[in-house]
């Protein structure tokens, strides 16, 4: 029983910390919006905490996307295919390929 508890022990700390960070980020967005925008832009009114949380969700949808996985983990399928094709080339083929791309990029 103890070995199962040790594996999930980090969630007792990091889970609530993650939730607290999200709610704290909503408070920061609300504070920044209310401190800056109403004075700078005419017609903009202060927002509530839940409106700030809604802005965070909206920005995640518009700019962050969902379900893309962790960035920098091997690249796309086409990148992997290209890398494999490049690694399978001989030294002469690689040199010719590099020279061809140097000409195209000039």
PDB file of N, CA and C in Angstrom:
ATOM      1  N   UNK A   1       0.822  -1.189   0.000  1.00  0.00           N
ATOM      2  CA  UNK A   1       0.000   0.000   0.000  1.00  0.00           C
ATOM      3  C   UNK A   1       0.866   1.253   0.000  1.00  0.00           C
ATOM      4  N   UNK A   2       1.976   1.220   0.687  1.00  0.00           N
ATOM      5  CA  UNK A   2       2.828   2.386   0.786  1.00  0.00           C
ATOM      6  C   UNK A   2       3.458   2.755  -0.550  1.00  0.00           C
ATOM      7  N   UNK A   3       3.777   1.746  -1.391  1.00  0.00           N
ATOM      8  CA  UNK A   3       4.385   2.055  -2.686  1.00  0.00           C
ATOM      9  C   UNK A   3       3.403   2.794  -3.603  1.00  0.00           C
ATOM     10  N   UNK A   4       2.118   2.542  -3.493  1.00  0.00           N
ATOM     11  CA  UNK A   4       1.140   3.274  -4.293  1.00  0.00           C
ATOM     12  C   UNK A   4       0.999   4.707  -3.814  1.00  0.00           C
ATOM     13  N   UNK A   5       1.106   4.919  -2.538  1.00  0.00           N
ATOM     14  CA  UNK A   5       0.990   6.266  -1.993  1.00  0.00           C
ATOM     15  C   UNK A   5       2.171   7.122  -2.430  1.00  0.00           C
ATOM     16  N   UNK A   6       3.375   6.550  -2.470  1.00  0.00           N
ATOM     17  CA  UNK A   6       4.553   7.317  -2.868  1.00  0.00           C
ATOM     18  C   UNK A   6       4.487   7.751  -4.323  1.00  0.00           C
ATOM     19  N   UNK A   7       3.895   6.950  -5.188  1.00  0.00           N
ATOM     20  CA  UNK A   7       3.786   7.321  -6.588  1.00  0.00           C
ATOM     21  C   UNK A   7       2.833   8.475  -6.813  1.00  0.00           C
ATOM     22  N   UNK A   8       1.796   8.577  -6.006  1.00  0.00           N
ATOM     23  CA  UNK A   8       0.812   9.644  -6.155  1.00  0.00           C
ATOM     24  C   UNK A   8       1.019  10.764  -5.153  1.00  0.00           C
ATOM     25  N   UNK A   9       2.075  10.713  -4.411  1.00  0.00           N
ATOM     26  CA  UNK A   9       2.331  11.697  -3.363  1.00  0.00           C
ATOM     27  C   UNK A   9       2.488  13.104  -3.929  1.00  0.00           C
ATOM     28  N   UNK A  10       3.084  13.199  -5.103  1.00  0.00           N
ATOM     29  CA  UNK A  10       3.308  14.515  -5.691  1.00  0.00           C
ATOM     30  C   UNK A  10       1.986  15.226  -6.014  1.00  0.00           C
ATOM     31  N   UNK A  11       0.929  14.463  -6.311  1.00  0.00           N
ATOM     32  CA  UNK A  11      -0.351  15.087  -6.645  1.00  0.00           C
ATOM     33  C   UNK A  11      -0.977  15.785  -5.446  1.00  0.00           C
ATOM     34  N   UNK A  12      -0.634  15.332  -4.241  1.00  0.00           N
ATOM     35  CA  UNK A  12      -1.154  16.005  -3.051  1.00  0.00           C
ATOM     36  C   UNK A  12      -0.589  17.407  -2.919  1.00  0.00           C
ATOM     37  N   UNK A  13       0.583  17.635  -3.507  1.00  0.00           N
ATOM     38  CA  UNK A  13       1.195  18.960  -3.459  1.00  0.00           C
ATOM     39  C   UNK A  13       0.972  19.732  -4.747  1.00  0.00           C
ATOM     40  N   UNK A  14       1.283  19.112  -5.900  1.00  0.00           N
ATOM     41  CA  UNK A  14       1.231  19.819  -7.172  1.00  0.00           C
ATOM     42  C   UNK A  14      -0.184  20.044  -7.687  1.00  0.00           C
ATOM     43  N   UNK A  15      -1.114  19.187  -7.366  1.00  0.00           N
ATOM     44  CA  UNK A  15      -2.499  19.377  -7.811  1.00  0.00           C
ATOM     45  C   UNK A  15      -3.102  20.658  -7.262  1.00  0.00           C
ATOM     46  N   UNK A  16      -3.131  20.833  -5.941  1.00  0.00           N
ATOM     47  CA  UNK A  16      -3.657  22.087  -5.389  1.00  0.00           C
ATOM     48  C   UNK A  16      -2.825  23.306  -5.779  1.00  0.00           C
ATOM     49  N   UNK A  17      -1.512  23.130  -5.935  1.00  0.00           N
ATOM     50  CA  UNK A  17      -0.667  24.248  -6.360  1.00  0.00           C
ATOM     51  C   UNK A  17      -1.031  24.688  -7.774  1.00  0.00           C
ATOM     52  N   UNK A  18      -1.297  23.733  -8.661  1.00  0.00           N
ATOM     53  CA  UNK A  18      -1.696  24.046 -10.035  1.00  0.00           C
ATOM     54  C   UNK A  18      -3.024  24.800 -10.066  1.00  0.00           C
ATOM     55  N   UNK A  19      -3.989  24.335  -9.295  1.00  0.00           N
ATOM     56  CA  UNK A  19      -5.299  25.001  -9.221  1.00  0.00           C
ATOM     57  C   UNK A  19      -5.142  26.405  -8.655  1.00  0.00           C
ATOM     58  N   UNK A  20      -4.327  26.561  -7.619  1.00  0.00           N
ATOM     59  CA  UNK A  20      -4.102  27.880  -7.025  1.00  0.00           C
ATOM     60  C   UNK A  20      -3.428  28.823  -8.019  1.00  0.00           C
ATOM     61  N   UNK A  21      -2.528  28.291  -8.844  1.00  0.00           N
ATOM     62  CA  UNK A  21      -1.868  29.130  -9.844  1.00  0.00           C
ATOM     63  C   UNK A  21      -2.853  29.610 -10.904  1.00  0.00           C
ATOM     64  N   UNK A  22      -3.783  28.765 -11.305  1.00  0.00           N
ATOM     65  CA  UNK A  22      -4.789  29.168 -12.299  1.00  0.00           C
ATOM     66  C   UNK A  22      -5.670  30.272 -11.738  1.00  0.00           C
ATOM     67  N   UNK A  23      -6.149  30.092 -10.502  1.00  0.00           N
ATOM     68  CA  UNK A  23      -6.986  31.120  -9.894  1.00  0.00           C
ATOM     69  C   UNK A  23      -6.189  32.393  -9.631  1.00  0.00           C
ATOM     70  N   UNK A  24      -4.921  32.255  -9.282  1.00  0.00           N
ATOM     71  CA  UNK A  24      -4.068  33.423  -9.093  1.00  0.00           C
ATOM     72  C   UNK A  24      -3.831  34.163 -10.395  1.00  0.00           C
ATOM     73  N   UNK A  25      -3.693  33.433 -11.493  1.00  0.00           N
ATOM     74  CA  UNK A  25      -3.517  34.053 -12.798  1.00  0.00           C
ATOM     75  C   UNK A  25      -4.763  34.839 -13.198  1.00  0.00           C
ATOM     76  N   UNK A  26      -5.927  34.311 -12.852  1.00  0.00           N
ATOM     77  CA  UNK A  26      -7.165  35.060 -13.105  1.00  0.00           C
ATOM     78  C   UNK A  26      -7.189  36.366 -12.337  1.00  0.00           C
ATOM     79  N   UNK A  27      -6.708  36.354 -11.099  1.00  0.00           N
ATOM     80  CA  UNK A  27      -6.653  37.578 -10.297  1.00  0.00           C
ATOM     81  C   UNK A  27      -5.671  38.582 -10.893  1.00  0.00           C
ATOM     82  N   UNK A  28      -4.551  38.096 -11.411  1.00  0.00           N
ATOM     83  CA  UNK A  28      -3.563  38.982 -12.036  1.00  0.00           C
ATOM     84  C   UNK A  28      -4.138  39.618 -13.290  1.00  0.00           C
ATOM     85  N   UNK A  29      -4.840  38.833 -14.115  1.00  0.00           N
ATOM     86  CA  UNK A  29      -5.467  39.374 -15.331  1.00  0.00           C
ATOM     87  C   UNK A  29      -6.490  40.442 -14.956  1.00  0.00           C
ATOM     88  N   UNK A  30      -7.302  40.177 -13.952  1.00  0.00           N
ATOM     89  CA  UNK A  30      -8.303  41.161 -13.520  1.00  0.00           C
ATOM     90  C   UNK A  30      -7.622  42.437 -13.029  1.00  0.00           C
ATOM     91  N   UNK A  31      -6.600  42.297 -12.226  1.00  0.00           N
ATOM     92  CA  UNK A  31      -5.909  43.459 -11.691  1.00  0.00           C
ATOM     93  C   UNK A  31      -5.261  44.287 -12.804  1.00  0.00           C
ATOM     94  N   UNK A  32      -4.579  43.618 -13.743  1.00  0.00           N
ATOM     95  CA  UNK A  32      -3.943  44.342 -14.845  1.00  0.00           C
ATOM     96  C   UNK A  32      -4.975  45.044 -15.728  1.00  0.00           C
ATOM     97  N   UNK A  33      -6.053  44.363 -16.045  1.00  0.00           N
ATOM     98  CA  UNK A  33      -7.097  44.956 -16.864  1.00  0.00           C
ATOM     99  C   UNK A  33      -7.663  46.200 -16.184  1.00  0.00           C
ATOM    100  N   UNK A  34      -8.029  46.055 -14.913  1.00  0.00           N
ATOM    101  CA  UNK A  34      -8.657  47.162 -14.203  1.00  0.00           C
ATOM    102  C   UNK A  34      -7.678  48.292 -13.906  1.00  0.00           C
ATOM    103  N   UNK A  35      -6.390  48.003 -13.807  1.00  0.00           N
ATOM    104  CA  UNK A  35      -5.405  49.040 -13.526  1.00  0.00           C
ATOM    105  C   UNK A  35      -4.987  49.800 -14.779  1.00  0.00           C
ATOM    106  N   UNK A  36      -5.029  49.145 -15.934  1.00  0.00           N
ATOM    107  CA  UNK A  36      -4.483  49.774 -17.138  1.00  0.00           C
ATOM    108  C   UNK A  36      -5.539  50.204 -18.141  1.00  0.00           C
ATOM    109  N   UNK A  37      -6.384  49.292 -18.571  1.00  0.00           N
ATOM    110  CA  UNK A  37      -7.258  49.558 -19.716  1.00  0.00           C
ATOM    111  C   UNK A  37      -8.306  50.655 -19.509  1.00  0.00           C
ATOM    112  N   UNK A  38      -8.999  50.744 -18.385  1.00  0.00           N
ATOM    113  CA  UNK A  38      -9.997  51.809 -18.272  1.00  0.00           C
ATOM    114  C   UNK A  38      -9.404  53.220 -18.375  1.00  0.00           C
ATOM    115  N   UNK A  39      -8.162  53.396 -17.954  1.00  0.00           N
ATOM    116  CA  UNK A  39      -7.523  54.707 -18.055  1.00  0.00           C
ATOM    117  C   UNK A  39      -6.966  54.981 -19.437  1.00  0.00           C
ATOM    118  N   UNK A  40      -6.536  53.950 -20.143  1.00  0.00           N
ATOM    119  CA  UNK A  40      -5.881  54.125 -21.435  1.00  0.00           C
ATOM    120  C   UNK A  40      -6.881  54.173 -22.584  1.00  0.00           C
ATOM    121  N   UNK A  41      -7.866  53.292 -22.561  1.00  0.00           N
ATOM    122  CA  UNK A  41      -8.827  53.175 -23.660  1.00  0.00           C
ATOM    123  C   UNK A  41     -10.185  53.667 -23.174  1.00  0.00           C
ATOM    124  N   UNK A  42     -10.737  54.620 -23.891  1.00  0.00           N
ATOM    125  CA  UNK A  42     -12.056  55.127 -23.479  1.00  0.00           C
ATOM    126  C   UNK A  42     -13.139  54.112 -23.829  1.00  0.00           C
ATOM    127  N   UNK A  43     -14.107  53.995 -22.954  1.00  0.00           N
ATOM    128  CA  UNK A  43     -15.217  53.079 -23.184  1.00  0.00           C
ATOM    129  C   UNK A  43     -14.984  51.683 -22.632  1.00  0.00           C
ATOM    130  N   UNK A  44     -13.841  51.437 -22.013  1.00  0.00           N
ATOM    131  CA  UNK A  44     -13.560  50.134 -21.426  1.00  0.00           C
ATOM    132  C   UNK A  44     -13.830  50.231 -19.936  1.00  0.00           C
ATOM    133  N   UNK A  45     -14.667  49.319 -19.442  1.00  0.00           N
ATOM    134  CA  UNK A  45     -14.995  49.341 -18.021  1.00  0.00           C
ATOM    135  C   UNK A  45     -14.226  48.256 -17.276  1.00  0.00           C
ATOM    136  N   UNK A  46     -14.091  48.379 -15.973  1.00  0.00           N
ATOM    137  CA  UNK A  46     -13.426  47.329 -15.190  1.00  0.00           C
ATOM    138  C   UNK A  46     -14.190  46.013 -15.288  1.00  0.00           C
ATOM    139  N   UNK A  47     -13.471  44.911 -15.109  1.00  0.00           N
ATOM    140  CA  UNK A  47     -14.078  43.586 -15.215  1.00  0.00           C
ATOM    141  C   UNK A  47     -14.063  42.897 -13.851  1.00  0.00           C
ATOM    142  N   UNK A  48     -14.914  41.881 -13.739  1.00  0.00           N
ATOM    143  CA  UNK A  48     -14.961  41.095 -12.508  1.00  0.00           C
ATOM    144  C   UNK A  48     -13.948  39.950 -12.602  1.00  0.00           C
ATOM    145  N   UNK A  49     -13.790  39.245 -11.500  1.00  0.00           N
ATOM    146  CA  UNK A  49     -12.862  38.118 -11.455  1.00  0.00           C
ATOM    147  C   UNK A  49     -13.265  37.036 -12.455  1.00  0.00           C
ATOM    148  N   UNK A  50     -14.547  36.732 -12.524  1.00  0.00           N
ATOM    149  CA  UNK A  50     -14.998  35.654 -13.411  1.00  0.00           C
ATOM    150  C   UNK A  50     -14.911  36.057 -14.871  1.00  0.00           C
ATOM    151  N   UNK A  51     -15.035  37.344 -15.165  1.00  0.00           N
ATOM    152  CA  UNK A  51     -14.810  37.798 -16.535  1.00  0.00           C
ATOM    153  C   UNK A  51     -13.336  37.636 -16.912  1.00  0.00           C
ATOM    154  N   UNK A  52     -12.450  37.875 -15.957  1.00  0.00           N
ATOM    155  CA  UNK A  52     -11.023  37.677 -16.202  1.00  0.00           C
ATOM    156  C   UNK A  52     -10.724  36.202 -16.459  1.00  0.00           C
ATOM    157  N   UNK A  53     -11.355  35.320 -15.697  1.00  0.00           N
ATOM    158  CA  UNK A  53     -11.170  33.884 -15.934  1.00  0.00           C
ATOM    159  C   UNK A  53     -11.705  33.500 -17.314  1.00  0.00           C
ATOM    160  N   UNK A  54     -12.816  34.097 -17.720  1.00  0.00           N
ATOM    161  CA  UNK A  54     -13.353  33.856 -19.051  1.00  0.00           C
ATOM    162  C   UNK A  54     -12.396  34.322 -20.139  1.00  0.00           C
ATOM    163  N   UNK A  55     -11.730  35.453 -19.910  1.00  0.00           N
ATOM    164  CA  UNK A  55     -10.737  35.929 -20.872  1.00  0.00           C
ATOM    165  C   UNK A  55      -9.570  34.955 -20.990  1.00  0.00           C
ATOM    166  N   UNK A  56      -9.170  34.378 -19.871  1.00  0.00           N
ATOM    167  CA  UNK A  56      -8.092  33.385 -19.919  1.00  0.00           C
ATOM    168  C   UNK A  56      -8.499  32.170 -20.738  1.00  0.00           C
ATOM    169  N   UNK A  57      -9.703  31.687 -20.541  1.00  0.00           N
ATOM    170  CA  UNK A  57     -10.188  30.530 -21.297  1.00  0.00           C
ATOM    171  C   UNK A  57     -10.304  30.879 -22.779  1.00  0.00           C
ATOM    172  N   UNK A  58     -10.838  32.063 -23.076  1.00  0.00           N
ATOM    173  CA  UNK A  58     -10.979  32.495 -24.464  1.00  0.00           C
ATOM    174  C   UNK A  58      -9.616  32.618 -25.141  1.00  0.00           C
ATOM    175  N   UNK A  59      -8.644  33.179 -24.434  1.00  0.00           N
ATOM    176  CA  UNK A  59      -7.317  33.308 -25.035  1.00  0.00           C
ATOM    177  C   UNK A  59      -6.670  31.945 -25.253  1.00  0.00           C
ATOM    178  N   UNK A  60      -6.944  30.992 -24.372  1.00  0.00           N
ATOM    179  CA  UNK A  60      -6.425  29.631 -24.562  1.00  0.00           C
ATOM    180  C   UNK A  60      -7.038  28.990 -25.801  1.00  0.00           C
ATOM    181  N   UNK A  61      -8.335  29.207 -25.991  1.00  0.00           N
ATOM    182  CA  UNK A  61      -9.011  28.647 -27.162  1.00  0.00           C
ATOM    183  C   UNK A  61      -8.486  29.288 -28.442  1.00  0.00           C
ATOM    184  N   UNK A  62      -8.357  30.612 -28.451  1.00  0.00           N
ATOM    185  CA  UNK A  62      -7.970  31.316 -29.667  1.00  0.00           C
ATOM    186  C   UNK A  62      -6.492  31.183 -30.001  1.00  0.00           C
ATOM    187  N   UNK A  63      -5.634  31.218 -29.001  1.00  0.00           N
ATOM    188  CA  UNK A  63      -4.202  31.271 -29.260  1.00  0.00           C
ATOM    189  C   UNK A  63      -3.444  30.015 -28.854  1.00  0.00           C
ATOM    190  N   UNK A  64      -3.963  29.258 -27.894  1.00  0.00           N
ATOM    191  CA  UNK A  64      -3.215  28.115 -27.396  1.00  0.00           C
ATOM    192  C   UNK A  64      -3.608  26.803 -28.017  1.00  0.00           C
ATOM    193  N   UNK A  65      -4.873  26.644 -28.335  1.00  0.00           N
ATOM    194  CA  UNK A  65      -5.343  25.386 -28.870  1.00  0.00           C
ATOM    195  C   UNK A  65      -5.471  24.334 -27.789  1.00  0.00           C
ATOM    196  N   UNK A  66      -5.953  23.175 -28.160  1.00  0.00           N
ATOM    197  CA  UNK A  66      -6.131  22.077 -27.222  1.00  0.00           C
ATOM    198  C   UNK A  66      -5.592  20.801 -27.833  1.00  0.00           C
ATOM    199  N   UNK A  67      -5.023  19.950 -27.019  1.00  0.00           N
ATOM    200  CA  UNK A  67      -4.630  18.617 -27.430  1.00  0.00           C
ATOM    201  C   UNK A  67      -3.459  18.524 -28.376  1.00  0.00           C
ATOM    202  N   UNK A  68      -2.565  19.476 -28.342  1.00  0.00           N
ATOM    203  CA  UNK A  68      -1.425  19.421 -29.236  1.00  0.00           C
ATOM    204  C   UNK A  68      -0.246  18.697 -28.611  1.00  0.00           C
ATOM    205  N   UNK A  69      -0.342  18.335 -27.378  1.00  0.00           N
ATOM    206  CA  UNK A  69       0.753  17.645 -26.721  1.00  0.00           C
ATOM    207  C   UNK A  69       1.853  18.596 -26.308  1.00  0.00           C
ATOM    208  N   UNK A  70       2.951  18.034 -25.887  1.00  0.00           N
ATOM    209  CA  UNK A  70       4.068  18.849 -25.421  1.00  0.00           C
ATOM    210  C   UNK A  70       4.911  19.288 -26.603  1.00  0.00           C
ATOM    211  N   UNK A  71       5.242  20.590 -26.683  1.00  0.00           N
ATOM    212  CA  UNK A  71       6.043  21.061 -27.809  1.00  0.00           C
ATOM    213  C   UNK A  71       7.477  20.535 -27.725  1.00  0.00           C
ATOM    214  N   UNK A  72       8.095  20.401 -28.875  1.00  0.00           N
ATOM    215  CA  UNK A  72       9.477  19.984 -28.915  1.00  0.00           C
ATOM    216  C   UNK A  72       9.702  18.506 -28.689  1.00  0.00           C
ATOM    217  N   UNK A  73       8.695  17.704 -28.859  1.00  0.00           N
ATOM    218  CA  UNK A  73       8.837  16.268 -28.625  1.00  0.00           C
ATOM    219  C   UNK A  73       8.886  15.494 -29.939  1.00  0.00           C
ATOM    220  N   UNK A  74       9.886  15.750 -30.755  1.00  0.00           N
ATOM    221  CA  UNK A  74      10.088  14.935 -31.940  1.00  0.00           C
ATOM    222  C   UNK A  74       9.531  15.520 -33.222  1.00  0.00           C
ATOM    223  N   UNK A  75       8.637  16.466 -33.156  1.00  0.00           N
ATOM    224  CA  UNK A  75       8.112  17.079 -34.361  1.00  0.00           C
ATOM    225  C   UNK A  75       7.001  16.271 -35.003  1.00  0.00           C
ATOM    226  N   UNK A  76       6.584  16.742 -36.161  1.00  0.00           N
ATOM    227  CA  UNK A  76       5.480  16.105 -36.867  1.00  0.00           C
ATOM    228  C   UNK A  76       5.955  14.872 -37.634  1.00  0.00           C
ATOM    229  N   UNK A  77       5.012  14.188 -38.197  1.00  0.00           N
ATOM    230  CA  UNK A  77       5.313  12.987 -38.982  1.00  0.00           C
ATOM    231  C   UNK A  77       6.168  13.342 -40.198  1.00  0.00           C
ATOM    232  N   UNK A  78       5.846  14.463 -40.860  1.00  0.00           N
ATOM    233  CA  UNK A  78       6.608  14.874 -42.043  1.00  0.00           C
ATOM    234  C   UNK A  78       8.046  15.224 -41.669  1.00  0.00           C
ATOM    235  N   UNK A  79       8.233  15.863 -40.518  1.00  0.00           N
ATOM    236  CA  UNK A  79       9.591  16.183 -40.077  1.00  0.00           C
ATOM    237  C   UNK A  79      10.387  14.908 -39.801  1.00  0.00           C
ATOM    238  N   UNK A  80       9.742  13.935 -39.193  1.00  0.00           N
ATOM    239  CA  UNK A  80      10.430  12.675 -38.910  1.00  0.00           C
ATOM    240  C   UNK A  80      10.798  11.958 -40.213  1.00  0.00           C
ATOM    241  N   UNK A  81       9.893  11.989 -41.193  1.00  0.00           N
ATOM    242  CA  UNK A  81      10.176  11.362 -42.483  1.00  0.00           C
ATOM    243  C   UNK A  81      11.347  12.043 -43.175  1.00  0.00           C
ATOM    244  N   UNK A  82      11.346  13.388 -43.145  1.00  0.00           N
ATOM    245  CA  UNK A  82      12.421  14.136 -43.785  1.00  0.00           C
ATOM    246  C   UNK A  82      13.758  13.839 -43.106  1.00  0.00           C
ATOM    247  N   UNK A  83      13.763  13.803 -41.791  1.00  0.00           N
ATOM    248  CA  UNK A  83      14.991  13.519 -41.055  1.00  0.00           C
ATOM    249  C   UNK A  83      15.518  12.125 -41.402  1.00  0.00           C
ATOM    250  N   UNK A  84      14.618  11.152 -41.476  1.00  0.00           N
ATOM    251  CA  UNK A  84      15.034   9.796 -41.824  1.00  0.00           C
ATOM    252  C   UNK A  84      15.578   9.741 -43.250  1.00  0.00           C
ATOM    253  N   UNK A  85      14.926  10.443 -44.162  1.00  0.00           N
ATOM    254  CA  UNK A  85      15.387  10.466 -45.556  1.00  0.00           C
ATOM    255  C   UNK A  85      16.766  11.112 -45.652  1.00  0.00           C
ATOM    256  N   UNK A  86      16.976  12.198 -44.904  1.00  0.00           N
ATOM    257  CA  UNK A  86      18.252  12.889 -44.910  1.00  0.00           C
ATOM    258  C   UNK A  86      19.361  12.007 -44.318  1.00  0.00           C
ATOM    259  N   UNK A  87      19.026  11.265 -43.264  1.00  0.00           N
ATOM    260  CA  UNK A  87      20.019  10.395 -42.628  1.00  0.00           C
ATOM    261  C   UNK A  87      20.379   9.205 -43.520  1.00  0.00           C
ATOM    262  N   UNK A  88      19.475   8.794 -44.405  1.00  0.00           N
ATOM    263  CA  UNK A  88      19.729   7.666 -45.295  1.00  0.00           C
ATOM    264  C   UNK A  88      20.545   8.058 -46.527  1.00  0.00           C
ATOM    265  N   UNK A  89      20.746   9.357 -46.748  1.00  0.00           N
ATOM    266  CA  UNK A  89      21.515   9.813 -47.912  1.00  0.00           C
ATOM    267  C   UNK A  89      23.000   9.555 -47.704  1.00  0.00           C
ATOM    268  N   UNK A  90      23.704   9.402 -48.825  1.00  0.00           N
ATOM    269  CA  UNK A  90      25.160   9.298 -48.751  1.00  0.00           C
ATOM    270  C   UNK A  90      25.738  10.704 -48.556  1.00  0.00           C
ATOM    271  N   UNK A  91      27.034  10.767 -48.298  1.00  0.00           N
ATOM    272  CA  UNK A  91      27.676  12.072 -48.080  1.00  0.00           C
ATOM    273  C   UNK A  91      27.575  12.956 -49.329  1.00  0.00           C
ATOM    274  N   UNK A  92      27.719  12.367 -50.499  1.00  0.00           N
ATOM    275  CA  UNK A  92      27.644  13.125 -51.747  1.00  0.00           C
ATOM    276  C   UNK A  92      26.223  13.662 -51.961  1.00  0.00           C
ATOM    277  N   UNK A  93      25.226  12.819 -51.673  1.00  0.00           N
ATOM    278  CA  UNK A  93      23.833  13.258 -51.825  1.00  0.00           C
ATOM    279  C   UNK A  93      23.500  14.384 -50.846  1.00  0.00           C
ATOM    280  N   UNK A  94      24.004  14.271 -49.626  1.00  0.00           N
ATOM    281  CA  UNK A  94      23.777  15.333 -48.639  1.00  0.00           C
ATOM    282  C   UNK A  94      24.398  16.648 -49.086  1.00  0.00           C
ATOM    283  N   UNK A  95      25.629  16.587 -49.599  1.00  0.00           N
ATOM    284  CA  UNK A  95      26.306  17.799 -50.061  1.00  0.00           C
ATOM    285  C   UNK A  95      25.543  18.425 -51.231  1.00  0.00           C
ATOM    286  N   UNK A  96      25.071  17.590 -52.169  1.00  0.00           N
ATOM    287  CA  UNK A  96      24.304  18.105 -53.301  1.00  0.00           C
ATOM    288  C   UNK A  96      22.983  18.720 -52.821  1.00  0.00           C
ATOM    289  N   UNK A  97      22.345  18.081 -51.871  1.00  0.00           N
ATOM    290  CA  UNK A  97      21.089  18.596 -51.320  1.00  0.00           C
ATOM    291  C   UNK A  97      21.303  19.947 -50.643  1.00  0.00           C
ATOM    292  N   UNK A  98      22.362  20.050 -49.838  1.00  0.00           N
ATOM    293  CA  UNK A  98      22.658  21.321 -49.158  1.00  0.00           C
ATOM    294  C   UNK A  98      22.971  22.425 -50.159  1.00  0.00           C
ATOM    295  N   UNK A  99      23.737  22.102 -51.192  1.00  0.00           N
ATOM    296  CA  UNK A  99      24.058  23.104 -52.208  1.00  0.00           C
ATOM    297  C   UNK A  99      22.809  23.576 -52.936  1.00  0.00           C
ATOM    298  N   UNK A 100      21.914  22.643 -53.230  1.00  0.00           N
ATOM    299  CA  UNK A 100      20.668  22.998 -53.914  1.00  0.00           C
ATOM    300  C   UNK A 100      19.836  23.948 -53.068  1.00  0.00           C
ATOM    301  N   UNK A 101      19.751  23.680 -51.743  1.00  0.00           N
ATOM    302  CA  UNK A 101      18.976  24.553 -50.864  1.00  0.00           C
ATOM    303  C   UNK A 101      19.654  25.903 -50.657  1.00  0.00           C
ATOM    304  N   UNK A 102      20.973  25.927 -50.671  1.00  0.00           N
ATOM    305  CA  UNK A 102      21.690  27.217 -50.575  1.00  0.00           C
ATOM    306  C   UNK A 102      21.367  28.097 -51.771  1.00  0.00           C
ATOM    307  N   UNK A 103      21.270  27.486 -52.965  1.00  0.00           N
ATOM    308  CA  UNK A 103      20.926  28.248 -54.162  1.00  0.00           C
ATOM    309  C   UNK A 103      19.495  28.764 -54.088  1.00  0.00           C
ATOM    310  N   UNK A 104      18.566  27.942 -53.563  1.00  0.00           N
ATOM    311  CA  UNK A 104      17.165  28.353 -53.469  1.00  0.00           C
ATOM    312  C   UNK A 104      16.964  29.471 -52.457  1.00  0.00           C
ATOM    313  N   UNK A 105      17.758  29.478 -51.402  1.00  0.00           N
ATOM    314  CA  UNK A 105      17.557  30.445 -50.330  1.00  0.00           C
ATOM    315  C   UNK A 105      18.240  31.775 -50.567  1.00  0.00           C
ATOM    316  N   UNK A 106      18.984  31.890 -51.627  1.00  0.00           N
ATOM    317  CA  UNK A 106      19.667  33.159 -51.923  1.00  0.00           C
ATOM    318  C   UNK A 106      18.775  34.129 -52.586  1.00  0.00           C
TER     319      UNK A 106
END
